[in-house]
Amino acid sequence: MLEPKIVGYTARNNLAEFYRTRFSNSLNTANPAEHVQWMFLDEYEKAFPSTPVMIQEYHMPHDKVGADMKKILEMAEGSPLLKGVSFFEFGVRYDKGGTELAFGMFQLGDFPVAEFDYFGESWSAWCLVPASKANESMPAAVAEAYGGEGLDFGLMCVPDPEK
């Protein structure tokens, strides 16, 4: 973008200026918050001093979720470029298996709450319950880190006595 002519392109606009003033970058990381500063953010702020960045998928699965989320959100508050963090991921991806099972705030409960048709096949919609690690409810920890109260998770997966 700095020198488009080196690849045989003649720009009609200033692409470097366009990038610096109209773009935001993003990344995904499972690194702990304490590593993000020195492994990424310090160098990013030097290389792209006017380009905002957002962490689109953030979840360090091997530590206390709440404490780590609080650290990364404090880092975003103190950074002129790190504009936000999106927690990864809403539900456990059983279809992926392996290390991917360490991600997800909610996991499948003990019973289906509904049956539905999807392109001619019958499927079950399962109740969701909070996933936890190290005796810490992930949705409660994430809600608290963001400054919220969360839900009464005990009411999320209650069987219907009429069924």
N, C-alpha and C. Protein backbone atom coordinates (compact mmCIF):
# COMPACT_ATOMS: atom_id res chain seq x y z
N MET A 1 0.81 -1.19 0.00
CA MET A 1 0.00 0.00 0.00
C MET A 1 0.86 1.26 0.00
N LEU A 2 2.06 1.14 0.53
CA LEU A 2 2.94 2.31 0.51
C LEU A 2 3.45 2.59 -0.89
N GLU A 3 3.75 1.52 -1.64
CA GLU A 3 4.29 1.68 -2.99
C GLU A 3 3.59 0.72 -3.95
N PRO A 4 2.35 0.99 -4.34
CA PRO A 4 1.61 0.06 -5.19
C PRO A 4 2.24 -0.15 -6.57
N LYS A 5 3.07 0.78 -7.01
CA LYS A 5 3.69 0.65 -8.33
C LYS A 5 4.67 -0.52 -8.40
N ILE A 6 5.21 -0.94 -7.25
CA ILE A 6 6.17 -2.05 -7.30
C ILE A 6 5.50 -3.37 -7.67
N VAL A 7 4.18 -3.43 -7.61
CA VAL A 7 3.46 -4.62 -8.06
C VAL A 7 2.65 -4.33 -9.32
N GLY A 8 3.00 -3.22 -9.99
CA GLY A 8 2.37 -2.89 -11.26
C GLY A 8 0.99 -2.27 -11.15
N TYR A 9 0.67 -1.69 -10.00
CA TYR A 9 -0.64 -1.09 -9.81
C TYR A 9 -0.49 0.42 -9.68
N THR A 10 -1.33 1.14 -10.40
CA THR A 10 -1.35 2.59 -10.28
C THR A 10 -2.61 2.98 -9.52
N ALA A 11 -2.41 3.44 -8.32
CA ALA A 11 -3.55 3.79 -7.46
C ALA A 11 -4.14 5.14 -7.86
N ARG A 12 -5.44 5.24 -7.76
CA ARG A 12 -6.12 6.51 -8.01
C ARG A 12 -6.26 7.32 -6.73
N ASN A 13 -6.01 6.67 -5.60
CA ASN A 13 -6.11 7.32 -4.29
C ASN A 13 -4.88 6.97 -3.47
N ASN A 14 -4.69 7.66 -2.38
CA ASN A 14 -3.57 7.39 -1.49
C ASN A 14 -3.94 6.19 -0.61
N LEU A 15 -3.51 5.00 -1.02
CA LEU A 15 -3.89 3.78 -0.30
C LEU A 15 -3.33 3.74 1.11
N ALA A 16 -2.12 4.22 1.30
CA ALA A 16 -1.52 4.22 2.64
C ALA A 16 -2.33 5.09 3.58
N GLU A 17 -2.74 6.25 3.11
CA GLU A 17 -3.56 7.15 3.94
C GLU A 17 -4.93 6.52 4.22
N PHE A 18 -5.49 5.89 3.21
CA PHE A 18 -6.77 5.20 3.36
C PHE A 18 -6.66 4.13 4.45
N TYR A 19 -5.59 3.34 4.40
CA TYR A 19 -5.39 2.30 5.41
C TYR A 19 -5.22 2.91 6.81
N ARG A 20 -4.37 3.92 6.91
CA ARG A 20 -4.09 4.52 8.22
C ARG A 20 -5.31 5.18 8.86
N THR A 21 -6.23 5.68 8.06
CA THR A 21 -7.34 6.46 8.63
C THR A 21 -8.70 5.76 8.59
N ARG A 22 -8.84 4.67 7.83
CA ARG A 22 -10.17 4.07 7.70
C ARG A 22 -10.24 2.60 8.07
N PHE A 23 -9.14 2.01 8.43
CA PHE A 23 -9.12 0.59 8.74
C PHE A 23 -8.95 0.35 10.23
N SER A 24 -9.42 -0.81 10.66
CA SER A 24 -9.10 -1.35 11.98
C SER A 24 -8.58 -2.75 11.73
N ASN A 25 -7.63 -3.16 12.51
CA ASN A 25 -7.12 -4.51 12.42
C ASN A 25 -7.73 -5.35 13.53
N SER A 26 -7.60 -6.66 13.40
CA SER A 26 -8.09 -7.55 14.45
C SER A 26 -7.20 -8.78 14.53
N LEU A 27 -7.31 -9.47 15.64
CA LEU A 27 -6.57 -10.71 15.84
C LEU A 27 -7.37 -11.62 16.75
N ASN A 28 -7.00 -12.87 16.74
CA ASN A 28 -7.53 -13.87 17.66
C ASN A 28 -6.35 -14.36 18.49
N THR A 29 -6.57 -14.59 19.78
CA THR A 29 -5.48 -15.12 20.60
C THR A 29 -6.02 -15.88 21.80
N ALA A 30 -5.29 -16.92 22.17
CA ALA A 30 -5.59 -17.67 23.39
C ALA A 30 -4.48 -17.44 24.41
N ASN A 31 -3.62 -16.47 24.15
CA ASN A 31 -2.55 -16.15 25.10
C ASN A 31 -3.12 -15.48 26.34
N PRO A 32 -2.47 -15.67 27.48
CA PRO A 32 -2.93 -14.96 28.68
C PRO A 32 -2.75 -13.46 28.51
N ALA A 33 -3.57 -12.70 29.21
CA ALA A 33 -3.52 -11.24 29.11
C ALA A 33 -2.13 -10.70 29.36
N GLU A 34 -1.45 -11.25 30.33
CA GLU A 34 -0.12 -10.73 30.67
C GLU A 34 0.88 -10.89 29.53
N HIS A 35 0.64 -11.82 28.60
CA HIS A 35 1.54 -11.98 27.46
C HIS A 35 1.17 -11.08 26.29
N VAL A 36 -0.10 -10.71 26.19
CA VAL A 36 -0.56 -9.92 25.04
C VAL A 36 0.19 -8.59 24.95
N GLN A 37 0.45 -7.95 26.08
CA GLN A 37 1.13 -6.65 26.07
C GLN A 37 2.50 -6.74 25.41
N TRP A 38 3.36 -7.63 25.90
CA TRP A 38 4.73 -7.68 25.38
C TRP A 38 4.86 -8.49 24.10
N MET A 39 3.98 -9.46 23.89
CA MET A 39 4.07 -10.27 22.67
C MET A 39 3.46 -9.58 21.46
N PHE A 40 2.49 -8.69 21.71
CA PHE A 40 1.79 -8.10 20.59
C PHE A 40 1.64 -6.59 20.69
N LEU A 41 0.98 -6.11 21.74
CA LEU A 41 0.52 -4.72 21.77
C LEU A 41 1.65 -3.70 21.75
N ASP A 42 2.73 -3.95 22.48
CA ASP A 42 3.84 -2.99 22.48
C ASP A 42 4.37 -2.76 21.07
N GLU A 43 4.59 -3.83 20.33
CA GLU A 43 5.12 -3.72 18.97
C GLU A 43 4.07 -3.18 18.00
N TYR A 44 2.83 -3.58 18.19
CA TYR A 44 1.75 -3.10 17.32
C TYR A 44 1.62 -1.59 17.41
N GLU A 45 1.63 -1.06 18.62
CA GLU A 45 1.47 0.39 18.80
C GLU A 45 2.61 1.17 18.16
N LYS A 46 3.80 0.57 18.07
CA LYS A 46 4.92 1.23 17.38
C LYS A 46 4.74 1.16 15.86
N ALA A 47 4.34 0.00 15.36
CA ALA A 47 4.24 -0.21 13.91
C ALA A 47 3.01 0.46 13.29
N PHE A 48 1.90 0.52 14.04
CA PHE A 48 0.64 1.07 13.52
C PHE A 48 0.10 2.10 14.51
N PRO A 49 0.78 3.21 14.69
CA PRO A 49 0.43 4.16 15.75
C PRO A 49 -0.93 4.84 15.61
N SER A 50 -1.58 4.69 14.47
CA SER A 50 -2.89 5.33 14.30
C SER A 50 -3.98 4.35 13.85
N THR A 51 -3.69 3.06 13.86
CA THR A 51 -4.66 2.08 13.39
C THR A 51 -5.21 1.27 14.56
N PRO A 52 -6.50 1.41 14.85
CA PRO A 52 -7.10 0.67 15.96
C PRO A 52 -7.04 -0.84 15.73
N VAL A 53 -7.11 -1.58 16.81
CA VAL A 53 -7.11 -3.04 16.74
C VAL A 53 -8.13 -3.58 17.74
N MET A 54 -8.69 -4.72 17.41
CA MET A 54 -9.70 -5.38 18.24
C MET A 54 -9.34 -6.85 18.35
N ILE A 55 -9.46 -7.40 19.54
CA ILE A 55 -9.28 -8.85 19.69
C ILE A 55 -10.66 -9.48 19.50
N GLN A 56 -10.82 -10.19 18.38
CA GLN A 56 -12.13 -10.75 18.02
C GLN A 56 -12.44 -12.05 18.75
N GLU A 57 -11.45 -12.88 18.97
CA GLU A 57 -11.65 -14.14 19.68
C GLU A 57 -10.63 -14.20 20.80
N TYR A 58 -11.08 -13.94 22.02
CA TYR A 58 -10.16 -13.96 23.16
C TYR A 58 -10.65 -14.93 24.22
N HIS A 59 -9.79 -15.84 24.60
CA HIS A 59 -10.08 -16.76 25.70
C HIS A 59 -8.81 -17.54 25.98
N MET A 60 -8.24 -17.33 27.15
CA MET A 60 -7.09 -18.10 27.59
C MET A 60 -7.64 -19.25 28.41
N PRO A 61 -7.68 -20.46 27.86
CA PRO A 61 -8.41 -21.55 28.50
C PRO A 61 -7.72 -22.24 29.67
N HIS A 62 -6.50 -21.88 29.99
CA HIS A 62 -5.76 -22.63 31.01
C HIS A 62 -5.55 -21.85 32.30
N ASP A 63 -6.39 -20.91 32.59
CA ASP A 63 -6.22 -20.09 33.79
C ASP A 63 -7.59 -19.66 34.28
N LYS A 64 -7.61 -18.88 35.33
CA LYS A 64 -8.87 -18.33 35.84
C LYS A 64 -9.42 -17.37 34.79
N VAL A 65 -10.57 -17.68 34.26
CA VAL A 65 -11.17 -16.89 33.18
C VAL A 65 -11.46 -15.46 33.63
N GLY A 66 -12.09 -15.30 34.79
CA GLY A 66 -12.48 -13.97 35.25
C GLY A 66 -11.31 -13.04 35.45
N ALA A 67 -10.28 -13.51 36.15
CA ALA A 67 -9.10 -12.68 36.40
C ALA A 67 -8.41 -12.31 35.10
N ASP A 68 -8.31 -13.26 34.18
CA ASP A 68 -7.65 -13.00 32.91
C ASP A 68 -8.46 -12.01 32.07
N MET A 69 -9.78 -12.16 32.04
CA MET A 69 -10.62 -11.22 31.29
C MET A 69 -10.50 -9.81 31.86
N LYS A 70 -10.48 -9.70 33.18
CA LYS A 70 -10.33 -8.37 33.79
C LYS A 70 -9.01 -7.73 33.36
N LYS A 71 -7.94 -8.52 33.32
CA LYS A 71 -6.63 -7.99 32.91
C LYS A 71 -6.65 -7.49 31.47
N ILE A 72 -7.23 -8.28 30.57
CA ILE A 72 -7.21 -7.88 29.16
C ILE A 72 -8.11 -6.67 28.93
N LEU A 73 -9.22 -6.57 29.66
CA LEU A 73 -10.09 -5.41 29.53
C LEU A 73 -9.44 -4.15 30.10
N GLU A 74 -8.68 -4.30 31.19
CA GLU A 74 -7.92 -3.17 31.73
C GLU A 74 -6.86 -2.72 30.73
N MET A 75 -6.25 -3.68 30.04
CA MET A 75 -5.26 -3.35 29.01
C MET A 75 -5.91 -2.54 27.89
N ALA A 76 -7.11 -2.93 27.49
CA ALA A 76 -7.82 -2.19 26.44
C ALA A 76 -8.16 -0.78 26.91
N GLU A 77 -8.55 -0.64 28.17
CA GLU A 77 -8.85 0.70 28.72
C GLU A 77 -7.63 1.61 28.68
N GLY A 78 -6.45 1.04 28.89
CA GLY A 78 -5.23 1.83 28.95
C GLY A 78 -4.52 2.02 27.62
N SER A 79 -5.02 1.40 26.58
CA SER A 79 -4.36 1.48 25.28
C SER A 79 -5.09 2.45 24.36
N PRO A 80 -4.35 3.29 23.65
CA PRO A 80 -5.01 4.18 22.70
C PRO A 80 -5.51 3.45 21.45
N LEU A 81 -5.01 2.22 21.21
CA LEU A 81 -5.36 1.51 19.98
C LEU A 81 -6.20 0.26 20.19
N LEU A 82 -6.03 -0.44 21.32
CA LEU A 82 -6.80 -1.65 21.56
C LEU A 82 -8.21 -1.24 21.97
N LYS A 83 -9.14 -1.37 21.03
CA LYS A 83 -10.49 -0.84 21.21
C LYS A 83 -11.46 -1.79 21.90
N GLY A 84 -11.13 -3.05 21.98
CA GLY A 84 -12.05 -3.96 22.65
C GLY A 84 -11.66 -5.40 22.51
N VAL A 85 -12.41 -6.23 23.22
CA VAL A 85 -12.14 -7.66 23.30
C VAL A 85 -13.48 -8.39 23.24
N SER A 86 -13.55 -9.41 22.41
CA SER A 86 -14.74 -10.24 22.32
C SER A 86 -14.39 -11.63 22.85
N PHE A 87 -15.14 -12.10 23.84
CA PHE A 87 -14.84 -13.40 24.44
C PHE A 87 -15.18 -14.52 23.47
N PHE A 88 -14.33 -15.52 23.43
CA PHE A 88 -14.50 -16.68 22.56
C PHE A 88 -14.72 -17.91 23.43
N GLU A 89 -15.72 -18.59 23.40
CA GLU A 89 -16.77 -18.60 22.41
C GLU A 89 -18.04 -18.86 23.17
N PHE A 90 -19.20 -18.65 22.58
CA PHE A 90 -20.47 -18.79 23.30
C PHE A 90 -20.69 -20.23 23.76
N GLY A 91 -20.67 -21.16 22.84
CA GLY A 91 -20.95 -22.56 23.18
C GLY A 91 -19.79 -23.47 22.86
N VAL A 92 -19.64 -24.53 23.65
CA VAL A 92 -18.61 -25.54 23.40
C VAL A 92 -18.88 -26.17 22.03
N ARG A 93 -17.83 -26.27 21.21
CA ARG A 93 -17.96 -26.85 19.87
C ARG A 93 -17.60 -28.34 19.93
N TYR A 94 -18.58 -29.14 20.24
CA TYR A 94 -18.37 -30.59 20.33
C TYR A 94 -17.97 -31.18 18.99
N ASP A 95 -18.40 -30.54 17.90
CA ASP A 95 -18.09 -31.05 16.57
C ASP A 95 -16.61 -30.94 16.24
N LYS A 96 -15.90 -30.03 16.86
CA LYS A 96 -14.47 -29.86 16.59
C LYS A 96 -13.63 -30.84 17.40
N GLY A 97 -14.02 -31.08 18.65
CA GLY A 97 -13.28 -32.01 19.50
C GLY A 97 -11.90 -31.50 19.88
N GLY A 98 -11.11 -32.35 20.49
CA GLY A 98 -9.73 -32.02 20.87
C GLY A 98 -9.63 -30.80 21.76
N THR A 99 -8.64 -29.97 21.49
CA THR A 99 -8.40 -28.79 22.31
C THR A 99 -9.52 -27.76 22.21
N GLU A 100 -10.32 -27.84 21.14
CA GLU A 100 -11.43 -26.90 20.98
C GLU A 100 -12.50 -27.06 22.07
N LEU A 101 -12.51 -28.21 22.73
CA LEU A 101 -13.48 -28.43 23.80
C LEU A 101 -13.18 -27.57 25.03
N ALA A 102 -12.01 -26.94 25.07
CA ALA A 102 -11.66 -26.06 26.19
C ALA A 102 -12.31 -24.69 26.07
N PHE A 103 -12.93 -24.41 24.93
CA PHE A 103 -13.55 -23.11 24.70
C PHE A 103 -15.07 -23.23 24.80
N GLY A 104 -15.72 -22.14 25.11
CA GLY A 104 -17.17 -22.10 25.18
C GLY A 104 -17.64 -21.80 26.60
N MET A 105 -18.53 -20.80 26.71
CA MET A 105 -19.08 -20.44 28.02
C MET A 105 -20.19 -21.39 28.45
N PHE A 106 -20.90 -21.95 27.48
CA PHE A 106 -22.02 -22.84 27.79
C PHE A 106 -21.79 -24.19 27.16
N GLN A 107 -22.28 -25.22 27.83
CA GLN A 107 -22.20 -26.58 27.30
C GLN A 107 -23.61 -27.18 27.31
N LEU A 108 -23.75 -28.29 26.62
CA LEU A 108 -25.06 -28.93 26.54
C LEU A 108 -25.47 -29.46 27.91
N GLY A 109 -26.75 -29.27 28.22
CA GLY A 109 -27.31 -29.79 29.46
C GLY A 109 -27.70 -31.25 29.30
N ASP A 110 -28.57 -31.71 30.19
CA ASP A 110 -28.92 -33.13 30.26
C ASP A 110 -30.12 -33.55 29.41
N PHE A 111 -30.84 -32.60 28.83
CA PHE A 111 -32.04 -32.97 28.09
C PHE A 111 -32.33 -31.95 26.99
N PRO A 112 -33.03 -32.41 25.94
CA PRO A 112 -33.43 -31.48 24.88
C PRO A 112 -34.64 -30.66 25.33
N VAL A 113 -34.72 -29.44 24.84
CA VAL A 113 -35.87 -28.57 25.16
C VAL A 113 -36.84 -28.49 23.99
N ALA A 114 -36.40 -28.89 22.81
CA ALA A 114 -37.28 -28.85 21.64
C ALA A 114 -36.70 -29.74 20.54
N GLU A 115 -37.58 -30.14 19.65
CA GLU A 115 -37.18 -30.86 18.44
C GLU A 115 -37.53 -29.95 17.26
N PHE A 116 -36.71 -29.99 16.22
CA PHE A 116 -37.00 -29.15 15.05
C PHE A 116 -36.52 -29.83 13.78
N ASP A 117 -37.09 -29.41 12.68
CA ASP A 117 -36.74 -29.93 11.37
C ASP A 117 -35.75 -28.97 10.71
N TYR A 118 -34.68 -29.51 10.18
CA TYR A 118 -33.70 -28.70 9.47
C TYR A 118 -33.40 -29.40 8.15
N PHE A 119 -33.94 -28.84 7.06
CA PHE A 119 -33.77 -29.39 5.72
C PHE A 119 -34.10 -30.87 5.67
N GLY A 120 -35.23 -31.22 6.28
CA GLY A 120 -35.72 -32.59 6.21
C GLY A 120 -35.16 -33.54 7.25
N GLU A 121 -34.29 -33.07 8.10
CA GLU A 121 -33.75 -33.92 9.17
C GLU A 121 -34.25 -33.41 10.51
N SER A 122 -34.49 -34.35 11.41
CA SER A 122 -34.96 -33.99 12.75
C SER A 122 -33.76 -33.78 13.68
N TRP A 123 -33.80 -32.69 14.43
CA TRP A 123 -32.71 -32.35 15.34
C TRP A 123 -33.27 -31.99 16.71
N SER A 124 -32.43 -32.11 17.72
CA SER A 124 -32.80 -31.71 19.08
C SER A 124 -32.08 -30.43 19.45
N ALA A 125 -32.79 -29.52 20.10
CA ALA A 125 -32.18 -28.32 20.68
C ALA A 125 -32.03 -28.60 22.17
N TRP A 126 -30.80 -28.65 22.63
CA TRP A 126 -30.51 -29.02 24.02
C TRP A 126 -30.49 -27.79 24.92
N CYS A 127 -30.85 -27.99 26.16
CA CYS A 127 -30.72 -26.90 27.12
C CYS A 127 -29.22 -26.62 27.30
N LEU A 128 -28.90 -25.42 27.70
CA LEU A 128 -27.51 -25.03 27.91
C LEU A 128 -27.27 -24.78 29.39
N VAL A 129 -26.10 -25.20 29.84
CA VAL A 129 -25.69 -24.94 31.22
C VAL A 129 -24.31 -24.28 31.19
N PRO A 130 -23.98 -23.51 32.22
CA PRO A 130 -22.67 -22.87 32.24
C PRO A 130 -21.54 -23.89 32.23
N ALA A 131 -20.54 -23.63 31.41
CA ALA A 131 -19.31 -24.42 31.46
C ALA A 131 -18.48 -23.85 32.61
N SER A 132 -17.65 -24.68 33.19
CA SER A 132 -16.82 -24.18 34.29
C SER A 132 -15.43 -24.77 34.19
N LYS A 133 -14.49 -24.04 34.76
CA LYS A 133 -13.10 -24.48 34.86
C LYS A 133 -12.61 -24.06 36.23
N ALA A 134 -11.91 -24.94 36.89
CA ALA A 134 -11.34 -24.65 38.21
C ALA A 134 -12.41 -24.08 39.16
N ASN A 135 -13.58 -24.72 39.15
CA ASN A 135 -14.70 -24.29 40.01
C ASN A 135 -15.16 -22.86 39.75
N GLU A 136 -14.96 -22.38 38.53
CA GLU A 136 -15.37 -21.03 38.15
C GLU A 136 -16.36 -21.13 36.99
N SER A 137 -17.55 -20.58 37.18
CA SER A 137 -18.54 -20.54 36.12
C SER A 137 -18.07 -19.55 35.06
N MET A 138 -17.86 -20.03 33.84
CA MET A 138 -17.34 -19.13 32.81
C MET A 138 -18.28 -17.98 32.48
N PRO A 139 -19.59 -18.21 32.27
CA PRO A 139 -20.43 -17.05 31.95
C PRO A 139 -20.50 -16.04 33.09
N ALA A 140 -20.51 -16.51 34.32
CA ALA A 140 -20.55 -15.57 35.46
C ALA A 140 -19.25 -14.78 35.53
N ALA A 141 -18.12 -15.45 35.29
CA ALA A 141 -16.82 -14.78 35.34
C ALA A 141 -16.69 -13.73 34.24
N VAL A 142 -17.17 -14.06 33.04
CA VAL A 142 -17.09 -13.12 31.92
C VAL A 142 -18.02 -11.94 32.17
N ALA A 143 -19.24 -12.20 32.64
CA ALA A 143 -20.17 -11.11 32.94
C ALA A 143 -19.58 -10.16 33.97
N GLU A 144 -18.98 -10.71 35.01
CA GLU A 144 -18.38 -9.87 36.06
C GLU A 144 -17.20 -9.06 35.51
N ALA A 145 -16.37 -9.69 34.67
CA ALA A 145 -15.23 -8.97 34.10
C ALA A 145 -15.68 -7.77 33.28
N TYR A 146 -16.80 -7.91 32.57
CA TYR A 146 -17.33 -6.81 31.76
C TYR A 146 -18.16 -5.83 32.59
N GLY A 147 -18.30 -6.10 33.89
CA GLY A 147 -19.03 -5.19 34.76
C GLY A 147 -20.51 -5.49 34.88
N GLY A 148 -20.93 -6.65 34.43
CA GLY A 148 -22.34 -7.02 34.50
C GLY A 148 -22.63 -7.99 35.62
N GLU A 149 -23.90 -8.29 35.78
CA GLU A 149 -24.32 -9.22 36.82
C GLU A 149 -24.58 -10.62 36.27
N GLY A 150 -24.83 -10.74 35.00
CA GLY A 150 -25.14 -12.04 34.44
C GLY A 150 -26.56 -12.45 34.73
N LEU A 151 -26.84 -13.71 34.52
CA LEU A 151 -28.18 -14.26 34.69
C LEU A 151 -28.23 -15.16 35.91
N ASP A 152 -29.43 -15.58 36.27
CA ASP A 152 -29.57 -16.65 37.25
C ASP A 152 -29.45 -17.94 36.44
N PHE A 153 -28.24 -18.46 36.34
CA PHE A 153 -27.97 -19.59 35.47
C PHE A 153 -28.69 -20.85 35.92
N GLY A 154 -29.10 -20.90 37.19
CA GLY A 154 -29.85 -22.05 37.68
C GLY A 154 -31.23 -22.17 37.05
N LEU A 155 -31.73 -21.10 36.46
CA LEU A 155 -33.05 -21.12 35.83
C LEU A 155 -33.00 -21.44 34.34
N MET A 156 -31.80 -21.62 33.80
CA MET A 156 -31.66 -21.79 32.36
C MET A 156 -32.05 -23.18 31.87
N CYS A 157 -31.85 -24.19 32.66
CA CYS A 157 -32.01 -25.55 32.17
C CYS A 157 -32.90 -26.34 33.13
N VAL A 158 -34.13 -25.87 33.30
CA VAL A 158 -35.08 -26.50 34.21
C VAL A 158 -36.05 -27.33 33.37
N PRO A 159 -36.20 -28.62 33.70
CA PRO A 159 -37.12 -29.44 32.91
C PRO A 159 -38.56 -28.95 33.05
N ASP A 160 -39.31 -29.12 31.98
CA ASP A 160 -40.73 -28.78 31.99
C ASP A 160 -41.47 -29.95 32.63
N PRO A 161 -42.11 -29.74 33.79
CA PRO A 161 -42.76 -30.87 34.47
C PRO A 161 -43.94 -31.44 33.69
N GLU A 162 -44.45 -30.72 32.70
CA GLU A 162 -45.57 -31.21 31.91
C GLU A 162 -45.15 -32.14 30.79
N LYS A 163 -43.86 -32.30 30.59
CA LYS A 163 -43.38 -33.17 29.49
C LYS A 163 -42.92 -34.50 30.03
